[in-house]
Amino acid sequence: MNISLLHHCFPMRITLRRIGNAQGVVLPKAILAEVGFERDIDMAVEGGAVVF
């Protein structure tokens, strides 16, 4: 599965990290602020991509 975050139309590569028995990503604070994410967000898989 491809995970990408578009920032000013340029893809940014991030690394999956082990979190307990799962995997996750750490999103840069500046990007979270730019899109207005503060706490809980919705996530889905659409067309083979993870969408927040």
N, C-alpha and C. Protein backbone atom coordinates (compact mmCIF):
# COMPACT_ATOMS: atom_id res chain seq x y z
N MET A 1 0.84 -1.17 0.00
CA MET A 1 0.00 0.00 0.00
C MET A 1 0.89 1.24 0.00
N ASN A 2 0.59 2.19 -0.83
CA ASN A 2 1.34 3.44 -0.87
C ASN A 2 0.76 4.42 0.12
N ILE A 3 1.61 5.04 0.89
CA ILE A 3 1.19 6.10 1.80
C ILE A 3 1.95 7.34 1.40
N SER A 4 1.24 8.35 1.00
CA SER A 4 1.91 9.60 0.66
C SER A 4 1.10 10.77 1.16
N LEU A 5 1.80 11.82 1.43
CA LEU A 5 1.18 13.04 1.91
C LEU A 5 1.61 14.11 0.93
N LEU A 6 0.66 14.81 0.34
CA LEU A 6 1.00 15.85 -0.62
C LEU A 6 1.12 17.18 0.10
N HIS A 7 2.24 17.82 -0.08
CA HIS A 7 2.51 19.11 0.54
C HIS A 7 2.92 20.05 -0.58
N HIS A 8 2.10 21.01 -0.88
CA HIS A 8 2.35 21.93 -1.99
C HIS A 8 2.58 21.16 -3.29
N CYS A 9 1.81 20.10 -3.50
CA CYS A 9 1.83 19.29 -4.72
C CYS A 9 3.10 18.48 -4.90
N PHE A 10 3.94 18.37 -3.89
CA PHE A 10 5.13 17.52 -3.97
C PHE A 10 4.98 16.39 -2.97
N PRO A 11 5.06 15.12 -3.42
CA PRO A 11 4.92 14.00 -2.47
C PRO A 11 6.04 14.03 -1.43
N MET A 12 5.70 13.60 -0.23
CA MET A 12 6.67 13.53 0.85
C MET A 12 6.73 12.08 1.31
N ARG A 13 7.92 11.52 1.40
CA ARG A 13 8.08 10.14 1.82
C ARG A 13 8.23 10.09 3.34
N ILE A 14 7.41 9.24 3.99
CA ILE A 14 7.48 9.07 5.43
C ILE A 14 7.67 7.59 5.74
N THR A 15 8.21 7.29 6.91
CA THR A 15 8.55 5.92 7.28
C THR A 15 7.50 5.34 8.22
N LEU A 16 7.11 4.09 7.97
CA LEU A 16 6.24 3.37 8.89
C LEU A 16 7.06 3.01 10.13
N ARG A 17 6.46 3.20 11.31
CA ARG A 17 7.12 2.87 12.57
C ARG A 17 6.29 1.86 13.34
N ARG A 18 6.96 0.96 14.03
CA ARG A 18 6.26 -0.02 14.85
C ARG A 18 5.74 0.68 16.10
N ILE A 19 4.44 0.49 16.35
CA ILE A 19 3.78 1.02 17.55
C ILE A 19 3.04 -0.15 18.17
N GLY A 20 3.64 -0.79 19.17
CA GLY A 20 3.05 -2.00 19.75
C GLY A 20 2.98 -3.09 18.69
N ASN A 21 1.79 -3.68 18.50
CA ASN A 21 1.59 -4.71 17.48
C ASN A 21 1.12 -4.14 16.15
N ALA A 22 1.15 -2.82 16.02
CA ALA A 22 0.68 -2.16 14.80
C ALA A 22 1.83 -1.37 14.18
N GLN A 23 1.54 -0.68 13.10
CA GLN A 23 2.48 0.25 12.49
C GLN A 23 1.79 1.58 12.34
N GLY A 24 2.57 2.65 12.36
CA GLY A 24 2.00 3.98 12.22
C GLY A 24 2.98 4.93 11.60
N VAL A 25 2.55 6.15 11.42
CA VAL A 25 3.40 7.20 10.87
C VAL A 25 3.36 8.41 11.78
N VAL A 26 4.44 9.15 11.78
CA VAL A 26 4.49 10.42 12.50
C VAL A 26 4.42 11.52 11.44
N LEU A 27 3.40 12.34 11.54
CA LEU A 27 3.21 13.43 10.57
C LEU A 27 3.86 14.70 11.11
N PRO A 28 4.61 15.41 10.29
CA PRO A 28 5.26 16.64 10.74
C PRO A 28 4.25 17.67 11.26
N LYS A 29 4.60 18.33 12.36
CA LYS A 29 3.74 19.31 13.01
C LYS A 29 3.30 20.42 12.05
N ALA A 30 4.21 20.88 11.20
CA ALA A 30 3.88 21.96 10.27
C ALA A 30 2.79 21.54 9.29
N ILE A 31 2.82 20.31 8.84
CA ILE A 31 1.79 19.83 7.91
C ILE A 31 0.46 19.67 8.63
N LEU A 32 0.49 19.15 9.85
CA LEU A 32 -0.75 19.03 10.63
C LEU A 32 -1.39 20.39 10.84
N ALA A 33 -0.59 21.39 11.15
CA ALA A 33 -1.13 22.74 11.35
C ALA A 33 -1.68 23.31 10.05
N GLU A 34 -0.99 23.06 8.95
CA GLU A 34 -1.43 23.60 7.66
C GLU A 34 -2.80 23.07 7.25
N VAL A 35 -3.08 21.79 7.55
CA VAL A 35 -4.36 21.21 7.15
C VAL A 35 -5.41 21.28 8.27
N GLY A 36 -5.00 21.79 9.44
CA GLY A 36 -5.96 22.00 10.52
C GLY A 36 -6.25 20.79 11.37
N PHE A 37 -5.39 19.76 11.33
CA PHE A 37 -5.58 18.59 12.19
C PHE A 37 -5.15 18.95 13.60
N GLU A 38 -6.02 18.63 14.59
CA GLU A 38 -5.67 18.91 15.98
C GLU A 38 -5.68 17.65 16.83
N ARG A 39 -6.74 16.84 16.77
CA ARG A 39 -6.80 15.62 17.58
C ARG A 39 -7.27 14.46 16.73
N ASP A 40 -8.54 14.18 16.75
CA ASP A 40 -9.09 13.04 16.02
C ASP A 40 -9.36 13.40 14.57
N ILE A 41 -9.03 12.48 13.67
CA ILE A 41 -9.29 12.69 12.25
C ILE A 41 -9.90 11.43 11.66
N ASP A 42 -10.56 11.55 10.54
CA ASP A 42 -11.09 10.40 9.83
C ASP A 42 -10.07 9.90 8.84
N MET A 43 -10.03 8.57 8.64
CA MET A 43 -9.08 7.97 7.71
C MET A 43 -9.83 6.91 6.91
N ALA A 44 -9.47 6.78 5.63
CA ALA A 44 -10.08 5.77 4.76
C ALA A 44 -9.05 5.30 3.75
N VAL A 45 -9.36 4.19 3.10
CA VAL A 45 -8.54 3.71 1.99
C VAL A 45 -9.38 3.89 0.73
N GLU A 46 -8.84 4.65 -0.21
CA GLU A 46 -9.54 4.93 -1.47
C GLU A 46 -8.58 4.70 -2.62
N GLY A 47 -8.95 3.82 -3.52
CA GLY A 47 -8.11 3.57 -4.69
C GLY A 47 -6.70 3.13 -4.34
N GLY A 48 -6.54 2.38 -3.26
CA GLY A 48 -5.23 1.89 -2.86
C GLY A 48 -4.37 2.89 -2.13
N ALA A 49 -4.95 4.04 -1.74
CA ALA A 49 -4.21 5.06 -0.99
C ALA A 49 -4.90 5.34 0.34
N VAL A 50 -4.11 5.69 1.34
CA VAL A 50 -4.66 6.10 2.63
C VAL A 50 -5.01 7.57 2.53
N VAL A 51 -6.25 7.91 2.88
CA VAL A 51 -6.74 9.29 2.78
C VAL A 51 -7.19 9.73 4.16
N PHE A 52 -6.70 10.90 4.59
CA PHE A 52 -7.12 11.47 5.87
C PHE A 52 -8.17 12.50 5.64
